PDB file of N, CA and C in Angstrom:
ATOM      1  N   UNK A   1       0.829  -1.243  -0.013  1.00  0.00           N
ATOM      2  CA  UNK A   1       0.052   0.303  -0.037  1.00  0.00           C
ATOM      3  C   UNK A   1       0.800   1.266   0.119  1.00  0.00           C
ATOM      4  N   UNK A   2       1.785   1.192   0.470  1.00  0.00           N
ATOM      5  CA  UNK A   2       2.939   2.404   0.515  1.00  0.00           C
ATOM      6  C   UNK A   2       3.487   2.646  -0.611  1.00  0.00           C
ATOM      7  N   UNK A   3       3.588   1.740  -1.651  1.00  0.00           N
ATOM      8  CA  UNK A   3       3.990   1.784  -3.095  1.00  0.00           C
ATOM      9  C   UNK A   3       2.924   2.397  -3.982  1.00  0.00           C
ATOM     10  N   UNK A   4       1.667   2.295  -3.649  1.00  0.00           N
ATOM     11  CA  UNK A   4       0.600   2.851  -4.354  1.00  0.00           C
ATOM     12  C   UNK A   4       0.332   4.378  -3.908  1.00  0.00           C
ATOM     13  N   UNK A   5       0.800   4.752  -2.581  1.00  0.00           N
ATOM     14  CA  UNK A   5       0.602   5.872  -2.187  1.00  0.00           C
ATOM     15  C   UNK A   5       1.851   6.856  -2.643  1.00  0.00           C
ATOM     16  N   UNK A   6       2.846   6.388  -3.084  1.00  0.00           N
ATOM     17  CA  UNK A   6       3.855   7.007  -3.611  1.00  0.00           C
ATOM     18  C   UNK A   6       3.905   7.266  -5.121  1.00  0.00           C
ATOM     19  N   UNK A   7       2.882   6.405  -5.800  1.00  0.00           N
ATOM     20  CA  UNK A   7       2.824   6.516  -7.276  1.00  0.00           C
ATOM     21  C   UNK A   7       2.235   7.767  -8.021  1.00  0.00           C
ATOM     22  N   UNK A   8       1.494   8.621  -7.149  1.00  0.00           N
ATOM     23  CA  UNK A   8       1.337   9.882  -7.484  1.00  0.00           C
ATOM     24  C   UNK A   8       2.595  10.878  -7.821  1.00  0.00           C
ATOM     25  N   UNK A   9       3.446  10.928  -6.983  1.00  0.00           N
ATOM     26  CA  UNK A   9       4.578  11.665  -7.277  1.00  0.00           C
ATOM     27  C   UNK A   9       5.586  11.232  -8.523  1.00  0.00           C
ATOM     28  N   UNK A  10       5.411   9.903  -8.689  1.00  0.00           N
ATOM     29  CA  UNK A  10       5.985   9.295 -10.130  1.00  0.00           C
ATOM     30  C   UNK A  10       5.279   9.671 -11.084  1.00  0.00           C
ATOM     31  N   UNK A  11       4.094   9.704 -11.126  1.00  0.00           N
ATOM     32  CA  UNK A  11       3.201  10.243 -12.178  1.00  0.00           C
ATOM     33  C   UNK A  11       3.487  11.767 -12.422  1.00  0.00           C
ATOM     34  N   UNK A  12       3.482  12.492 -11.409  1.00  0.00           N
ATOM     35  CA  UNK A  12       3.582  13.907 -11.573  1.00  0.00           C
ATOM     36  C   UNK A  12       4.888  14.163 -12.286  1.00  0.00           C
ATOM     37  N   UNK A  13       5.916  13.564 -11.985  1.00  0.00           N
ATOM     38  CA  UNK A  13       7.130  13.613 -12.543  1.00  0.00           C
ATOM     39  C   UNK A  13       7.245  13.227 -14.010  1.00  0.00           C
ATOM     40  N   UNK A  14       6.609  12.223 -14.590  1.00  0.00           N
ATOM     41  CA  UNK A  14       6.685  11.789 -15.688  1.00  0.00           C
ATOM     42  C   UNK A  14       5.686  12.312 -16.561  1.00  0.00           C
ATOM     43  N   UNK A  15       4.410  12.873 -16.496  1.00  0.00           N
ATOM     44  CA  UNK A  15       3.635  13.326 -16.988  1.00  0.00           C
ATOM     45  C   UNK A  15       4.188  14.523 -17.945  1.00  0.00           C
ATOM     46  N   UNK A  16       4.719  15.721 -17.610  1.00  0.00           N
ATOM     47  CA  UNK A  16       5.253  16.607 -18.431  1.00  0.00           C
ATOM     48  C   UNK A  16       6.033  16.047 -19.682  1.00  0.00           C
ATOM     49  N   UNK A  17       6.738  15.016 -19.389  1.00  0.00           N
ATOM     50  CA  UNK A  17       7.663  14.612 -20.518  1.00  0.00           C
ATOM     51  C   UNK A  17       6.818  14.109 -21.615  1.00  0.00           C
ATOM     52  N   UNK A  18       5.474  13.387 -21.270  1.00  0.00           N
ATOM     53  CA  UNK A  18       4.738  12.858 -22.135  1.00  0.00           C
ATOM     54  C   UNK A  18       3.800  13.982 -22.812  1.00  0.00           C
ATOM     55  N   UNK A  19       3.340  14.804 -21.989  1.00  0.00           N
ATOM     56  CA  UNK A  19       2.414  15.964 -22.321  1.00  0.00           C
ATOM     57  C   UNK A  19       2.800  17.020 -23.515  1.00  0.00           C
ATOM     58  N   UNK A  20       4.226  17.240 -23.323  1.00  0.00           N
ATOM     59  CA  UNK A  20       4.811  18.310 -24.230  1.00  0.00           C
ATOM     60  C   UNK A  20       4.518  18.160 -25.630  1.00  0.00           C
ATOM     61  N   UNK A  21       5.250  16.767 -26.171  1.00  0.00           N
ATOM     62  CA  UNK A  21       5.052  16.298 -27.329  1.00  0.00           C
ATOM     63  C   UNK A  21       3.372  16.428 -27.769  1.00  0.00           C
ATOM     64  N   UNK A  22       2.757  15.614 -26.862  1.00  0.00           N
ATOM     65  CA  UNK A  22       1.222  15.522 -27.410  1.00  0.00           C
ATOM     66  C   UNK A  22       0.796  16.939 -27.419  1.00  0.00           C
ATOM     67  N   UNK A  23       0.999  17.874 -26.684  1.00  0.00           N
ATOM     68  CA  UNK A  23       0.518  19.412 -26.805  1.00  0.00           C
ATOM     69  C   UNK A  23       1.147  20.029 -28.046  1.00  0.00           C
ATOM     70  N   UNK A  24       2.282  19.712 -28.421  1.00  0.00           N
ATOM     71  CA  UNK A  24       2.888  20.308 -29.584  1.00  0.00           C
ATOM     72  C   UNK A  24       2.095  19.852 -30.917  1.00  0.00           C
ATOM     73  N   UNK A  25       1.690  18.589 -30.820  1.00  0.00           N
ATOM     74  CA  UNK A  25       0.981  18.070 -32.138  1.00  0.00           C
ATOM     75  C   UNK A  25      -0.392  18.686 -31.995  1.00  0.00           C
ATOM     76  N   UNK A  26      -1.045  18.516 -30.951  1.00  0.00           N
ATOM     77  CA  UNK A  26      -2.331  19.182 -30.952  1.00  0.00           C
ATOM     78  C   UNK A  26      -2.625  20.588 -31.410  1.00  0.00           C
ATOM     79  N   UNK A  27      -1.557  21.416 -30.948  1.00  0.00           N
ATOM     80  CA  UNK A  27      -1.494  22.934 -31.347  1.00  0.00           C
ATOM     81  C   UNK A  27      -1.330  22.824 -32.863  1.00  0.00           C
ATOM     82  N   UNK A  28      -0.306  22.055 -33.469  1.00  0.00           N
ATOM     83  CA  UNK A  28      -0.054  21.968 -34.897  1.00  0.00           C
ATOM     84  C   UNK A  28      -1.400  21.542 -35.379  1.00  0.00           C
ATOM     85  N   UNK A  29      -1.843  20.489 -35.163  1.00  0.00           N
ATOM     86  CA  UNK A  29      -3.210  20.058 -35.812  1.00  0.00           C
ATOM     87  C   UNK A  29      -4.415  21.174 -35.743  1.00  0.00           C
ATOM     88  N   UNK A  30      -4.526  21.902 -34.337  1.00  0.00           N
ATOM     89  CA  UNK A  30      -5.953  22.463 -34.384  1.00  0.00           C
ATOM     90  C   UNK A  30      -5.721  23.850 -34.193  1.00  0.00           C
ATOM     91  N   UNK A  31      -4.615  24.415 -33.904  1.00  0.00           N
ATOM     92  CA  UNK A  31      -4.447  25.967 -33.739  1.00  0.00           C
ATOM     93  C   UNK A  31      -3.643  26.628 -34.894  1.00  0.00           C
ATOM     94  N   UNK A  32      -2.534  26.085 -34.831  1.00  0.00           N
ATOM     95  CA  UNK A  32      -1.491  27.101 -35.849  1.00  0.00           C
ATOM     96  C   UNK A  32      -0.304  25.908 -36.471  1.00  0.00           C
ATOM     97  N   UNK A  33      -0.277  25.949 -37.835  1.00  0.00           N
ATOM     98  CA  UNK A  33       0.574  25.030 -38.273  1.00  0.00           C
ATOM     99  C   UNK A  33       2.212  25.643 -38.284  1.00  0.00           C
ATOM    100  N   UNK A  34       2.324  26.732 -37.710  1.00  0.00           N
ATOM    101  CA  UNK A  34       3.614  27.434 -37.464  1.00  0.00           C
ATOM    102  C   UNK A  34       3.992  27.075 -36.018  1.00  0.00           C
ATOM    103  N   UNK A  35       3.531  26.328 -35.032  1.00  0.00           N
ATOM    104  CA  UNK A  35       3.929  26.164 -33.828  1.00  0.00           C
ATOM    105  C   UNK A  35       5.347  25.769 -33.593  1.00  0.00           C
ATOM    106  N   UNK A  36       5.974  25.121 -34.644  1.00  0.00           N
ATOM    107  CA  UNK A  36       7.390  24.543 -34.566  1.00  0.00           C
ATOM    108  C   UNK A  36       8.168  25.458 -34.710  1.00  0.00           C
ATOM    109  N   UNK A  37       8.047  26.319 -35.995  1.00  0.00           N
ATOM    110  CA  UNK A  37       8.642  27.805 -36.024  1.00  0.00           C
ATOM    111  C   UNK A  37       8.776  28.674 -35.015  1.00  0.00           C
ATOM    112  N   UNK A  38       7.432  28.963 -34.392  1.00  0.00           N
ATOM    113  CA  UNK A  38       7.286  29.688 -33.413  1.00  0.00           C
ATOM    114  C   UNK A  38       8.131  29.436 -32.136  1.00  0.00           C
ATOM    115  N   UNK A  39       8.099  28.200 -32.065  1.00  0.00           N
ATOM    116  CA  UNK A  39       8.803  27.376 -30.657  1.00  0.00           C
ATOM    117  C   UNK A  39      10.416  27.647 -30.992  1.00  0.00           C
ATOM    118  N   UNK A  40      10.674  26.972 -31.939  1.00  0.00           N
ATOM    119  CA  UNK A  40      12.324  26.911 -32.117  1.00  0.00           C
ATOM    120  C   UNK A  40      12.991  27.852 -33.159  1.00  0.00           C
ATOM    121  N   UNK A  41      12.212  28.621 -33.794  1.00  0.00           N
ATOM    122  CA  UNK A  41      13.057  29.632 -34.674  1.00  0.00           C
ATOM    123  C   UNK A  41      13.022  30.946 -34.213  1.00  0.00           C
ATOM    124  N   UNK A  42      12.117  31.167 -33.228  1.00  0.00           N
ATOM    125  CA  UNK A  42      12.092  32.727 -32.538  1.00  0.00           C
ATOM    126  C   UNK A  42      12.894  32.710 -31.209  1.00  0.00           C
ATOM    127  N   UNK A  43      13.754  33.479 -31.056  1.00  0.00           N
ATOM    128  CA  UNK A  43      14.412  33.702 -29.609  1.00  0.00           C
ATOM    129  C   UNK A  43      13.544  33.646 -28.593  1.00  0.00           C
ATOM    130  N   UNK A  44      12.381  34.130 -28.443  1.00  0.00           N
ATOM    131  CA  UNK A  44      11.456  34.317 -27.446  1.00  0.00           C
ATOM    132  C   UNK A  44      10.939  32.973 -27.165  1.00  0.00           C
ATOM    133  N   UNK A  45      10.394  32.110 -28.080  1.00  0.00           N
ATOM    134  CA  UNK A  45       9.974  30.720 -28.210  1.00  0.00           C
ATOM    135  C   UNK A  45      11.122  29.809 -27.613  1.00  0.00           C
ATOM    136  N   UNK A  46      12.376  29.951 -28.108  1.00  0.00           N
ATOM    137  CA  UNK A  46      13.304  28.958 -27.788  1.00  0.00           C
ATOM    138  C   UNK A  46      13.843  29.225 -26.263  1.00  0.00           C
ATOM    139  N   UNK A  47      13.513  30.506 -25.764  1.00  0.00           N
ATOM    140  CA  UNK A  47      13.835  30.802 -24.469  1.00  0.00           C
ATOM    141  C   UNK A  47      12.805  30.084 -23.493  1.00  0.00           C
ATOM    142  N   UNK A  48      11.797  30.221 -23.870  1.00  0.00           N
ATOM    143  CA  UNK A  48      10.650  29.523 -23.094  1.00  0.00           C
ATOM    144  C   UNK A  48      10.811  28.089 -23.161  1.00  0.00           C
ATOM    145  N   UNK A  49      11.161  27.581 -24.276  1.00  0.00           N
ATOM    146  CA  UNK A  49      11.299  26.158 -24.427  1.00  0.00           C
ATOM    147  C   UNK A  49      12.141  25.601 -23.456  1.00  0.00           C
ATOM    148  N   UNK A  50      13.601  26.272 -23.297  1.00  0.00           N
ATOM    149  CA  UNK A  50      14.716  26.057 -22.731  1.00  0.00           C
ATOM    150  C   UNK A  50      14.097  26.305 -20.996  1.00  0.00           C
ATOM    151  N   UNK A  51      13.503  27.224 -20.726  1.00  0.00           N
ATOM    152  CA  UNK A  51      12.701  27.203 -19.402  1.00  0.00           C
ATOM    153  C   UNK A  51      11.956  25.991 -19.017  1.00  0.00           C
ATOM    154  N   UNK A  52      11.027  25.635 -19.850  1.00  0.00           N
ATOM    155  CA  UNK A  52       9.985  24.751 -19.702  1.00  0.00           C
ATOM    156  C   UNK A  52      10.894  23.250 -19.357  1.00  0.00           C
ATOM    157  N   UNK A  53      11.907  23.132 -20.470  1.00  0.00           N
ATOM    158  CA  UNK A  53      12.935  21.766 -20.185  1.00  0.00           C
ATOM    159  C   UNK A  53      13.574  21.779 -19.104  1.00  0.00           C
ATOM    160  N   UNK A  54      13.868  22.870 -18.658  1.00  0.00           N
ATOM    161  CA  UNK A  54      14.523  22.959 -17.095  1.00  0.00           C
ATOM    162  C   UNK A  54      13.604  22.488 -15.945  1.00  0.00           C
ATOM    163  N   UNK A  55      12.423  23.354 -16.074  1.00  0.00           N
ATOM    164  CA  UNK A  55      11.410  23.035 -15.069  1.00  0.00           C
ATOM    165  C   UNK A  55      10.847  21.493 -15.019  1.00  0.00           C
ATOM    166  N   UNK A  56      10.681  20.930 -16.204  1.00  0.00           N
ATOM    167  CA  UNK A  56      10.283  19.621 -16.543  1.00  0.00           C
ATOM    168  C   UNK A  56      11.411  18.723 -15.690  1.00  0.00           C
ATOM    169  N   UNK A  57      12.666  18.989 -16.269  1.00  0.00           N
ATOM    170  CA  UNK A  57      13.622  17.949 -15.581  1.00  0.00           C
ATOM    171  C   UNK A  57      13.744  18.039 -14.240  1.00  0.00           C
ATOM    172  N   UNK A  58      13.626  19.506 -13.623  1.00  0.00           N
ATOM    173  CA  UNK A  58      13.554  19.678 -12.224  1.00  0.00           C
ATOM    174  C   UNK A  58      12.538  18.920 -11.574  1.00  0.00           C
ATOM    175  N   UNK A  59      11.354  18.735 -12.217  1.00  0.00           N
ATOM    176  CA  UNK A  59      10.219  17.999 -11.540  1.00  0.00           C
ATOM    177  C   UNK A  59      10.393  16.685 -11.607  1.00  0.00           C
ATOM    178  N   UNK A  60      11.109  16.070 -12.687  1.00  0.00           N
ATOM    179  CA  UNK A  60      11.362  14.941 -12.694  1.00  0.00           C
ATOM    180  C   UNK A  60      12.303  14.373 -11.694  1.00  0.00           C
ATOM    181  N   UNK A  61      13.382  15.017 -11.215  1.00  0.00           N
ATOM    182  CA  UNK A  61      14.416  14.824 -10.521  1.00  0.00           C
ATOM    183  C   UNK A  61      13.752  15.017  -9.065  1.00  0.00           C
ATOM    184  N   UNK A  62      12.824  15.804  -8.726  1.00  0.00           N
ATOM    185  CA  UNK A  62      12.258  15.797  -7.470  1.00  0.00           C
ATOM    186  C   UNK A  62      11.165  14.669  -7.272  1.00  0.00           C
ATOM    187  N   UNK A  63      10.332  14.266  -8.311  1.00  0.00           N
ATOM    188  CA  UNK A  63       9.466  13.235  -8.314  1.00  0.00           C
ATOM    189  C   UNK A  63      10.141  11.898  -7.948  1.00  0.00           C
ATOM    190  N   UNK A  64      11.273  11.720  -8.715  1.00  0.00           N
ATOM    191  CA  UNK A  64      12.131  10.553  -8.396  1.00  0.00           C
ATOM    192  C   UNK A  64      12.631  10.505  -7.043  1.00  0.00           C
ATOM    193  N   UNK A  65      13.102  11.413  -6.578  1.00  0.00           N
ATOM    194  CA  UNK A  65      13.742  11.570  -5.190  1.00  0.00           C
ATOM    195  C   UNK A  65      12.548  11.163  -4.265  1.00  0.00           C
ATOM    196  N   UNK A  66      11.419  11.765  -4.334  1.00  0.00           N
ATOM    197  CA  UNK A  66      10.377  11.500  -3.477  1.00  0.00           C
ATOM    198  C   UNK A  66       9.766  10.103  -3.623  1.00  0.00           C
ATOM    199  N   UNK A  67       9.886   9.255  -4.817  1.00  0.00           N
ATOM    200  CA  UNK A  67       9.387   8.079  -4.923  1.00  0.00           C
ATOM    201  C   UNK A  67      10.105   7.100  -4.246  1.00  0.00           C
ATOM    202  N   UNK A  68      11.481   7.387  -4.099  1.00  0.00           N
ATOM    203  CA  UNK A  68      12.111   6.355  -3.261  1.00  0.00           C
ATOM    204  C   UNK A  68      11.612   6.037  -2.167  1.00  0.00           C
ATOM    205  N   UNK A  69      11.557   4.688  -1.811  1.00  0.00           N
ATOM    206  CA  UNK A  69      10.947   4.198  -0.627  1.00  0.00           C
ATOM    207  C   UNK A  69      11.891   4.767   0.649  1.00  0.00           C
ATOM    208  N   UNK A  70      11.309   4.803   1.844  1.00  0.00           N
ATOM    209  CA  UNK A  70      11.770   5.298   2.941  1.00  0.00           C
ATOM    210  C   UNK A  70      12.731   4.031   3.537  1.00  0.00           C
ATOM    211  N   UNK A  71      13.626   4.347   4.205  1.00  0.00           N
ATOM    212  CA  UNK A  71      14.724   3.335   4.729  1.00  0.00           C
ATOM    213  C   UNK A  71      14.454   3.224   6.242  1.00  0.00           C
ATOM    214  N   UNK A  72      13.272   2.870   6.685  1.00  0.00           N
ATOM    215  CA  UNK A  72      12.944   2.737   8.120  1.00  0.00           C
ATOM    216  C   UNK A  72      13.575   1.454   8.788  1.00  0.00           C
ATOM    217  N   UNK A  73      14.086   1.380  10.125  1.00  0.00           N
ATOM    218  CA  UNK A  73      14.373   0.159  10.541  1.00  0.00           C
ATOM    219  C   UNK A  73      13.609  -0.074  11.641  1.00  0.00           C
TER     220      UNK A  73
END
């Protein structure tokens, strides 16, 4: 039961890795065909991409850290 209680921290850390590509494809299909140009070709878009990437990696590291089981004796 303790493993199930920690599963939410693992999901919170992994969901941004999965959602970013899905959201980019959805924006491409339904909002703008230029989403990849806006994201990677413009300096502002690329800066926000790097900030988002760092925040996602930070959340992944924090999620994995809190997912590790306690070493109680």
